[in-house]
Amino acid sequence: MDAAEPADRGRVLRILRDVTEESGYASAVEALSRMADAGSGMDAATASLLAAGIANGREVVTYDEPVDMSAYDAVFSAGGGGADA
């Protein structure tokens, strides 16, 4: 954050403030740190979701069985609602 432009620094500090209210300071800092390490942009939605997962100890959702999305693929391909639509 030290190397960021003043406008970006202010935006990230506002995100930190808001996410801290939701999930606590430690979780907010950890979320922003992970985002910075990943080289992703700093946006409030991602920070909020990531911090919430860190705060509640369930960072990654694991399923007992693989999730089968083929029914949704069939619906979208039949209706022409693919990613390019």
PDB file of N, CA and C in Angstrom:
ATOM      1  N   MET A   1       0.811  -1.183   0.000  1.00  0.00           N
ATOM      2  CA  MET A   1       0.000   0.000   0.000  1.00  0.00           C
ATOM      3  C   MET A   1       0.863   1.258   0.000  1.00  0.00           C
ATOM      4  N   ASP A   2       2.047   1.155   0.520  1.00  0.00           N
ATOM      5  CA  ASP A   2       2.928   2.323   0.570  1.00  0.00           C
ATOM      6  C   ASP A   2       3.272   2.839  -0.820  1.00  0.00           C
ATOM      7  N   ALA A   3       3.371   1.948  -1.790  1.00  0.00           N
ATOM      8  CA  ALA A   3       3.751   2.346  -3.143  1.00  0.00           C
ATOM      9  C   ALA A   3       2.556   2.776  -3.995  1.00  0.00           C
ATOM     10  N   ALA A   4       1.360   2.650  -3.446  1.00  0.00           N
ATOM     11  CA  ALA A   4       0.161   2.978  -4.215  1.00  0.00           C
ATOM     12  C   ALA A   4       0.005   4.482  -4.397  1.00  0.00           C
ATOM     13  N   GLU A   5      -0.679   4.838  -5.461  1.00  0.00           N
ATOM     14  CA  GLU A   5      -1.031   6.235  -5.690  1.00  0.00           C
ATOM     15  C   GLU A   5      -1.980   6.683  -4.585  1.00  0.00           C
ATOM     16  N   PRO A   6      -1.979   7.970  -4.233  1.00  0.00           N
ATOM     17  CA  PRO A   6      -2.844   8.446  -3.141  1.00  0.00           C
ATOM     18  C   PRO A   6      -4.319   8.068  -3.302  1.00  0.00           C
ATOM     19  N   ALA A   7      -4.872   8.160  -4.500  1.00  0.00           N
ATOM     20  CA  ALA A   7      -6.277   7.805  -4.708  1.00  0.00           C
ATOM     21  C   ALA A   7      -6.513   6.320  -4.446  1.00  0.00           C
ATOM     22  N   ASP A   8      -5.587   5.484  -4.918  1.00  0.00           N
ATOM     23  CA  ASP A   8      -5.709   4.041  -4.680  1.00  0.00           C
ATOM     24  C   ASP A   8      -5.544   3.717  -3.207  1.00  0.00           C
ATOM     25  N   ARG A   9      -4.616   4.376  -2.565  1.00  0.00           N
ATOM     26  CA  ARG A   9      -4.376   4.148  -1.140  1.00  0.00           C
ATOM     27  C   ARG A   9      -5.634   4.487  -0.341  1.00  0.00           C
ATOM     28  N   GLY A  10      -6.271   5.592  -0.678  1.00  0.00           N
ATOM     29  CA  GLY A  10      -7.496   5.981   0.014  1.00  0.00           C
ATOM     30  C   GLY A  10      -8.611   4.975  -0.194  1.00  0.00           C
ATOM     31  N   ARG A  11      -8.739   4.466  -1.432  1.00  0.00           N
ATOM     32  CA  ARG A  11      -9.766   3.470  -1.737  1.00  0.00           C
ATOM     33  C   ARG A  11      -9.532   2.183  -0.954  1.00  0.00           C
ATOM     34  N   VAL A  12      -8.278   1.739  -0.895  1.00  0.00           N
ATOM     35  CA  VAL A  12      -7.960   0.508  -0.169  1.00  0.00           C
ATOM     36  C   VAL A  12      -8.182   0.702   1.334  1.00  0.00           C
ATOM     37  N   LEU A  13      -7.851   1.867   1.843  1.00  0.00           N
ATOM     38  CA  LEU A  13      -8.095   2.132   3.266  1.00  0.00           C
ATOM     39  C   LEU A  13      -9.594   2.139   3.580  1.00  0.00           C
ATOM     40  N   ARG A  14     -10.404   2.639   2.665  1.00  0.00           N
ATOM     41  CA  ARG A  14     -11.855   2.597   2.870  1.00  0.00           C
ATOM     42  C   ARG A  14     -12.360   1.157   2.845  1.00  0.00           C
ATOM     43  N   ILE A  15     -11.810   0.352   1.937  1.00  0.00           N
ATOM     44  CA  ILE A  15     -12.170  -1.068   1.901  1.00  0.00           C
ATOM     45  C   ILE A  15     -11.766  -1.725   3.218  1.00  0.00           C
ATOM     46  N   LEU A  16     -10.557  -1.438   3.687  1.00  0.00           N
ATOM     47  CA  LEU A  16     -10.088  -1.997   4.953  1.00  0.00           C
ATOM     48  C   LEU A  16     -11.028  -1.610   6.091  1.00  0.00           C
ATOM     49  N   ARG A  17     -11.432  -0.346   6.129  1.00  0.00           N
ATOM     50  CA  ARG A  17     -12.345   0.129   7.174  1.00  0.00           C
ATOM     51  C   ARG A  17     -13.664  -0.639   7.127  1.00  0.00           C
ATOM     52  N   ASP A  18     -14.252  -0.753   5.953  1.00  0.00           N
ATOM     53  CA  ASP A  18     -15.558  -1.392   5.817  1.00  0.00           C
ATOM     54  C   ASP A  18     -15.506  -2.882   6.117  1.00  0.00           C
ATOM     55  N   VAL A  19     -14.486  -3.549   5.603  1.00  0.00           N
ATOM     56  CA  VAL A  19     -14.360  -4.994   5.819  1.00  0.00           C
ATOM     57  C   VAL A  19     -14.025  -5.282   7.282  1.00  0.00           C
ATOM     58  N   THR A  20     -13.284  -4.384   7.928  1.00  0.00           N
ATOM     59  CA  THR A  20     -12.985  -4.539   9.354  1.00  0.00           C
ATOM     60  C   THR A  20     -14.272  -4.534  10.163  1.00  0.00           C
ATOM     61  N   GLU A  21     -15.206  -3.664   9.814  1.00  0.00           N
ATOM     62  CA  GLU A  21     -16.493  -3.623  10.517  1.00  0.00           C
ATOM     63  C   GLU A  21     -17.239  -4.940  10.392  1.00  0.00           C
ATOM     64  N   GLU A  22     -17.153  -5.559   9.234  1.00  0.00           N
ATOM     65  CA  GLU A  22     -17.878  -6.797   8.973  1.00  0.00           C
ATOM     66  C   GLU A  22     -17.217  -8.026   9.583  1.00  0.00           C
ATOM     67  N   SER A  23     -15.893  -8.123   9.442  1.00  0.00           N
ATOM     68  CA  SER A  23     -15.209  -9.385   9.755  1.00  0.00           C
ATOM     69  C   SER A  23     -14.070  -9.265  10.748  1.00  0.00           C
ATOM     70  N   GLY A  24     -13.770  -8.054  11.209  1.00  0.00           N
ATOM     71  CA  GLY A  24     -12.670  -7.868  12.141  1.00  0.00           C
ATOM     72  C   GLY A  24     -11.394  -7.461  11.435  1.00  0.00           C
ATOM     73  N   TYR A  25     -10.542  -6.785  12.170  1.00  0.00           N
ATOM     74  CA  TYR A  25      -9.327  -6.207  11.602  1.00  0.00           C
ATOM     75  C   TYR A  25      -8.375  -7.276  11.068  1.00  0.00           C
ATOM     76  N   ALA A  26      -8.115  -8.306  11.846  1.00  0.00           N
ATOM     77  CA  ALA A  26      -7.150  -9.331  11.431  1.00  0.00           C
ATOM     78  C   ALA A  26      -7.598 -10.016  10.141  1.00  0.00           C
ATOM     79  N   SER A  27      -8.875 -10.343  10.035  1.00  0.00           N
ATOM     80  CA  SER A  27      -9.392 -10.997   8.832  1.00  0.00           C
ATOM     81  C   SER A  27      -9.331 -10.062   7.634  1.00  0.00           C
ATOM     82  N   ALA A  28      -9.632  -8.779   7.855  1.00  0.00           N
ATOM     83  CA  ALA A  28      -9.588  -7.800   6.770  1.00  0.00           C
ATOM     84  C   ALA A  28      -8.163  -7.632   6.251  1.00  0.00           C
ATOM     85  N   VAL A  29      -7.213  -7.508   7.150  1.00  0.00           N
ATOM     86  CA  VAL A  29      -5.816  -7.349   6.746  1.00  0.00           C
ATOM     87  C   VAL A  29      -5.333  -8.596   6.012  1.00  0.00           C
ATOM     88  N   GLU A  30      -5.686  -9.765   6.518  1.00  0.00           N
ATOM     89  CA  GLU A  30      -5.278 -11.009   5.863  1.00  0.00           C
ATOM     90  C   GLU A  30      -5.883 -11.102   4.463  1.00  0.00           C
ATOM     91  N   ALA A  31      -7.139 -10.740   4.319  1.00  0.00           N
ATOM     92  CA  ALA A  31      -7.788 -10.786   3.004  1.00  0.00           C
ATOM     93  C   ALA A  31      -7.099  -9.850   2.020  1.00  0.00           C
ATOM     94  N   LEU A  32      -6.845  -8.625   2.422  1.00  0.00           N
ATOM     95  CA  LEU A  32      -6.186  -7.667   1.534  1.00  0.00           C
ATOM     96  C   LEU A  32      -4.759  -8.096   1.212  1.00  0.00           C
ATOM     97  N   SER A  33      -4.094  -8.688   2.173  1.00  0.00           N
ATOM     98  CA  SER A  33      -2.743  -9.177   1.947  1.00  0.00           C
ATOM     99  C   SER A  33      -2.735 -10.297   0.908  1.00  0.00           C
ATOM    100  N   ARG A  34      -3.682 -11.214   1.023  1.00  0.00           N
ATOM    101  CA  ARG A  34      -3.766 -12.309   0.046  1.00  0.00           C
ATOM    102  C   ARG A  34      -4.081 -11.779  -1.343  1.00  0.00           C
ATOM    103  N   MET A  35      -4.961 -10.786  -1.404  1.00  0.00           N
ATOM    104  CA  MET A  35      -5.307 -10.204  -2.695  1.00  0.00           C
ATOM    105  C   MET A  35      -4.083  -9.533  -3.315  1.00  0.00           C
ATOM    106  N   ALA A  36      -3.318  -8.829  -2.505  1.00  0.00           N
ATOM    107  CA  ALA A  36      -2.108  -8.166  -3.008  1.00  0.00           C
ATOM    108  C   ALA A  36      -1.085  -9.200  -3.469  1.00  0.00           C
ATOM    109  N   ASP A  37      -0.911 -10.270  -2.688  1.00  0.00           N
ATOM    110  CA  ASP A  37       0.039 -11.322  -3.055  1.00  0.00           C
ATOM    111  C   ASP A  37      -0.364 -12.007  -4.359  1.00  0.00           C
ATOM    112  N   ALA A  38      -1.672 -12.113  -4.593  1.00  0.00           N
ATOM    113  CA  ALA A  38      -2.167 -12.761  -5.810  1.00  0.00           C
ATOM    114  C   ALA A  38      -2.089 -11.834  -7.014  1.00  0.00           C
ATOM    115  N   GLY A  39      -1.834 -10.560  -6.750  1.00  0.00           N
ATOM    116  CA  GLY A  39      -1.744  -9.605  -7.839  1.00  0.00           C
ATOM    117  C   GLY A  39      -3.096  -9.189  -8.390  1.00  0.00           C
ATOM    118  N   SER A  40      -4.141  -9.502  -7.632  1.00  0.00           N
ATOM    119  CA  SER A  40      -5.479  -9.125  -8.100  1.00  0.00           C
ATOM    120  C   SER A  40      -5.782  -7.693  -7.697  1.00  0.00           C
ATOM    121  N   GLY A  41      -6.764  -7.122  -8.344  1.00  0.00           N
ATOM    122  CA  GLY A  41      -7.187  -5.782  -7.973  1.00  0.00           C
ATOM    123  C   GLY A  41      -7.830  -5.792  -6.593  1.00  0.00           C
ATOM    124  N   MET A  42      -7.851  -4.644  -5.980  1.00  0.00           N
ATOM    125  CA  MET A  42      -8.458  -4.519  -4.662  1.00  0.00           C
ATOM    126  C   MET A  42      -9.892  -4.031  -4.831  1.00  0.00           C
ATOM    127  N   ASP A  43     -10.849  -4.943  -4.663  1.00  0.00           N
ATOM    128  CA  ASP A  43     -12.233  -4.524  -4.721  1.00  0.00           C
ATOM    129  C   ASP A  43     -12.949  -4.957  -3.447  1.00  0.00           C
ATOM    130  N   ALA A  44     -13.945  -4.194  -3.071  1.00  0.00           N
ATOM    131  CA  ALA A  44     -14.627  -4.397  -1.801  1.00  0.00           C
ATOM    132  C   ALA A  44     -15.343  -5.743  -1.732  1.00  0.00           C
ATOM    133  N   ALA A  45     -15.970  -6.167  -2.827  1.00  0.00           N
ATOM    134  CA  ALA A  45     -16.730  -7.414  -2.801  1.00  0.00           C
ATOM    135  C   ALA A  45     -15.828  -8.616  -2.537  1.00  0.00           C
ATOM    136  N   THR A  46     -14.724  -8.691  -3.250  1.00  0.00           N
ATOM    137  CA  THR A  46     -13.797  -9.808  -3.053  1.00  0.00           C
ATOM    138  C   THR A  46     -13.200  -9.777  -1.658  1.00  0.00           C
ATOM    139  N   ALA A  47     -12.800  -8.607  -1.203  1.00  0.00           N
ATOM    140  CA  ALA A  47     -12.228  -8.473   0.134  1.00  0.00           C
ATOM    141  C   ALA A  47     -13.229  -8.892   1.199  1.00  0.00           C
ATOM    142  N   SER A  48     -14.472  -8.493   1.027  1.00  0.00           N
ATOM    143  CA  SER A  48     -15.513  -8.824   1.995  1.00  0.00           C
ATOM    144  C   SER A  48     -15.750 -10.326   2.075  1.00  0.00           C
ATOM    145  N   LEU A  49     -15.870 -10.976   0.924  1.00  0.00           N
ATOM    146  CA  LEU A  49     -16.087 -12.427   0.909  1.00  0.00           C
ATOM    147  C   LEU A  49     -14.899 -13.190   1.473  1.00  0.00           C
ATOM    148  N   LEU A  50     -13.713 -12.789   1.059  1.00  0.00           N
ATOM    149  CA  LEU A  50     -12.510 -13.467   1.534  1.00  0.00           C
ATOM    150  C   LEU A  50     -12.339 -13.291   3.036  1.00  0.00           C
ATOM    151  N   ALA A  51     -12.538 -12.076   3.532  1.00  0.00           N
ATOM    152  CA  ALA A  51     -12.404 -11.820   4.971  1.00  0.00           C
ATOM    153  C   ALA A  51     -13.452 -12.582   5.773  1.00  0.00           C
ATOM    154  N   ALA A  52     -14.664 -12.680   5.261  1.00  0.00           N
ATOM    155  CA  ALA A  52     -15.713 -13.428   5.965  1.00  0.00           C
ATOM    156  C   ALA A  52     -15.331 -14.899   6.086  1.00  0.00           C
ATOM    157  N   GLY A  53     -14.777 -15.452   5.008  1.00  0.00           N
ATOM    158  CA  GLY A  53     -14.329 -16.840   5.056  1.00  0.00           C
ATOM    159  C   GLY A  53     -13.188 -17.045   6.032  1.00  0.00           C
ATOM    160  N   ILE A  54     -12.273 -16.099   6.085  1.00  0.00           N
ATOM    161  CA  ILE A  54     -11.153 -16.177   7.026  1.00  0.00           C
ATOM    162  C   ILE A  54     -11.676 -16.076   8.453  1.00  0.00           C
ATOM    163  N   ALA A  55     -12.601 -15.151   8.676  1.00  0.00           N
ATOM    164  CA  ALA A  55     -13.123 -14.917  10.029  1.00  0.00           C
ATOM    165  C   ALA A  55     -13.882 -16.116  10.572  1.00  0.00           C
ATOM    166  N   ASN A  56     -14.625 -16.810   9.715  1.00  0.00           N
ATOM    167  CA  ASN A  56     -15.423 -17.924  10.226  1.00  0.00           C
ATOM    168  C   ASN A  56     -14.706 -19.266  10.131  1.00  0.00           C
ATOM    169  N   GLY A  57     -13.478 -19.239   9.637  1.00  0.00           N
ATOM    170  CA  GLY A  57     -12.682 -20.467   9.604  1.00  0.00           C
ATOM    171  C   GLY A  57     -13.036 -21.409   8.472  1.00  0.00           C
ATOM    172  N   ARG A  58     -13.889 -20.971   7.563  1.00  0.00           N
ATOM    173  CA  ARG A  58     -14.282 -21.825   6.437  1.00  0.00           C
ATOM    174  C   ARG A  58     -13.859 -21.176   5.148  1.00  0.00           C
ATOM    175  N   GLU A  59     -12.574 -21.070   4.965  1.00  0.00           N
ATOM    176  CA  GLU A  59     -12.046 -20.371   3.792  1.00  0.00           C
ATOM    177  C   GLU A  59     -12.426 -21.045   2.494  1.00  0.00           C
ATOM    178  N   VAL A  60     -12.443 -22.353   2.477  1.00  0.00           N
ATOM    179  CA  VAL A  60     -12.738 -23.097   1.261  1.00  0.00           C
ATOM    180  C   VAL A  60     -13.865 -24.060   1.561  1.00  0.00           C
ATOM    181  N   VAL A  61     -14.858 -24.064   0.704  1.00  0.00           N
ATOM    182  CA  VAL A  61     -15.959 -25.002   0.862  1.00  0.00           C
ATOM    183  C   VAL A  61     -15.575 -26.283   0.141  1.00  0.00           C
ATOM    184  N   THR A  62     -15.645 -27.387   0.848  1.00  0.00           N
ATOM    185  CA  THR A  62     -15.360 -28.679   0.230  1.00  0.00           C
ATOM    186  C   THR A  62     -16.637 -29.502   0.225  1.00  0.00           C
ATOM    187  N   TYR A  63     -16.812 -30.262  -0.825  1.00  0.00           N
ATOM    188  CA  TYR A  63     -18.002 -31.080  -0.982  1.00  0.00           C
ATOM    189  C   TYR A  63     -17.612 -32.542  -0.931  1.00  0.00           C
ATOM    190  N   ASP A  64     -18.510 -33.370  -0.404  1.00  0.00           N
ATOM    191  CA  ASP A  64     -18.251 -34.805  -0.346  1.00  0.00           C
ATOM    192  C   ASP A  64     -18.212 -35.421  -1.736  1.00  0.00           C
ATOM    193  N   GLU A  65     -19.025 -34.894  -2.646  1.00  0.00           N
ATOM    194  CA  GLU A  65     -19.091 -35.403  -4.008  1.00  0.00           C
ATOM    195  C   GLU A  65     -18.791 -34.261  -4.975  1.00  0.00           C
ATOM    196  N   PRO A  66     -18.254 -34.582  -6.126  1.00  0.00           N
ATOM    197  CA  PRO A  66     -18.022 -33.521  -7.120  1.00  0.00           C
ATOM    198  C   PRO A  66     -19.350 -32.881  -7.528  1.00  0.00           C
ATOM    199  N   VAL A  67     -19.322 -31.614  -7.797  1.00  0.00           N
ATOM    200  CA  VAL A  67     -20.515 -30.903  -8.228  1.00  0.00           C
ATOM    201  C   VAL A  67     -20.675 -31.086  -9.732  1.00  0.00           C
ATOM    202  N   ASP A  68     -21.863 -31.536 -10.148  1.00  0.00           N
ATOM    203  CA  ASP A  68     -22.142 -31.773 -11.559  1.00  0.00           C
ATOM    204  C   ASP A  68     -22.980 -30.621 -12.093  1.00  0.00           C
ATOM    205  N   MET A  69     -22.382 -29.814 -12.956  1.00  0.00           N
ATOM    206  CA  MET A  69     -23.062 -28.649 -13.518  1.00  0.00           C
ATOM    207  C   MET A  69     -23.560 -28.912 -14.937  1.00  0.00           C
ATOM    208  N   SER A  70     -23.552 -30.171 -15.384  1.00  0.00           N
ATOM    209  CA  SER A  70     -23.913 -30.475 -16.770  1.00  0.00           C
ATOM    210  C   SER A  70     -25.356 -30.106 -17.094  1.00  0.00           C
ATOM    211  N   ALA A  71     -26.273 -30.198 -16.132  1.00  0.00           N
ATOM    212  CA  ALA A  71     -27.667 -29.820 -16.392  1.00  0.00           C
ATOM    213  C   ALA A  71     -27.757 -28.331 -16.719  1.00  0.00           C
ATOM    214  N   TYR A  72     -26.985 -27.517 -16.019  1.00  0.00           N
ATOM    215  CA  TYR A  72     -26.976 -26.082 -16.296  1.00  0.00           C
ATOM    216  C   TYR A  72     -26.317 -25.790 -17.643  1.00  0.00           C
ATOM    217  N   ASP A  73     -25.265 -26.523 -17.951  1.00  0.00           N
ATOM    218  CA  ASP A  73     -24.611 -26.353 -19.253  1.00  0.00           C
ATOM    219  C   ASP A  73     -25.596 -26.632 -20.383  1.00  0.00           C
ATOM    220  N   ALA A  74     -26.397 -27.694 -20.231  1.00  0.00           N
ATOM    221  CA  ALA A  74     -27.368 -28.057 -21.260  1.00  0.00           C
ATOM    222  C   ALA A  74     -28.416 -26.967 -21.434  1.00  0.00           C
ATOM    223  N   VAL A  75     -28.894 -26.409 -20.335  1.00  0.00           N
ATOM    224  CA  VAL A  75     -29.911 -25.357 -20.409  1.00  0.00           C
ATOM    225  C   VAL A  75     -29.346 -24.120 -21.096  1.00  0.00           C
ATOM    226  N   PHE A  76     -28.162 -23.704 -20.711  1.00  0.00           N
ATOM    227  CA  PHE A  76     -27.585 -22.498 -21.306  1.00  0.00           C
ATOM    228  C   PHE A  76     -27.234 -22.699 -22.780  1.00  0.00           C
ATOM    229  N   SER A  77     -26.762 -23.870 -23.136  1.00  0.00           N
ATOM    230  CA  SER A  77     -26.411 -24.079 -24.541  1.00  0.00           C
ATOM    231  C   SER A  77     -27.659 -24.187 -25.398  1.00  0.00           C
ATOM    232  N   ALA A  78     -28.742 -24.746 -24.876  1.00  0.00           N
ATOM    233  CA  ALA A  78     -29.996 -24.871 -25.637  1.00  0.00           C
ATOM    234  C   ALA A  78     -30.657 -23.512 -25.823  1.00  0.00           C
ATOM    235  N   GLY A  79     -30.551 -22.657 -24.838  1.00  0.00           N
ATOM    236  CA  GLY A  79     -31.197 -21.360 -24.913  1.00  0.00           C
ATOM    237  C   GLY A  79     -30.337 -20.286 -25.509  1.00  0.00           C
ATOM    238  N   GLY A  80     -29.124 -20.621 -25.902  1.00  0.00           N
ATOM    239  CA  GLY A  80     -28.223 -19.626 -26.476  1.00  0.00           C
ATOM    240  C   GLY A  80     -27.697 -18.649 -25.446  1.00  0.00           C
ATOM    241  N   GLY A  81     -27.710 -19.035 -24.179  1.00  0.00           N
ATOM    242  CA  GLY A  81     -27.253 -18.127 -23.123  1.00  0.00           C
ATOM    243  C   GLY A  81     -25.841 -18.390 -22.679  1.00  0.00           C
ATOM    244  N   GLY A  82     -24.995 -18.727 -23.609  1.00  0.00           N
ATOM    245  CA  GLY A  82     -23.599 -19.000 -23.264  1.00  0.00           C
ATOM    246  C   GLY A  82     -22.874 -17.765 -22.825  1.00  0.00           C
ATOM    247  N   ALA A  83     -21.623 -17.896 -22.537  1.00  0.00           N
ATOM    248  CA  ALA A  83     -20.806 -16.800 -22.027  1.00  0.00           C
ATOM    249  C   ALA A  83     -20.687 -15.665 -23.034  1.00  0.00           C
ATOM    250  N   ASP A  84     -20.810 -15.975 -24.320  1.00  0.00           N
ATOM    251  CA  ASP A  84     -20.682 -14.950 -25.346  1.00  0.00           C
ATOM    252  C   ASP A  84     -21.984 -14.229 -25.640  1.00  0.00           C
ATOM    253  N   ALA A  85     -23.079 -14.669 -25.044  1.00  0.00           N
ATOM    254  CA  ALA A  85     -24.391 -14.082 -25.349  1.00  0.00           C
ATOM    255  C   ALA A  85     -24.572 -12.737 -24.686  1.00  0.00           C
TER     256      ALA A  85
END
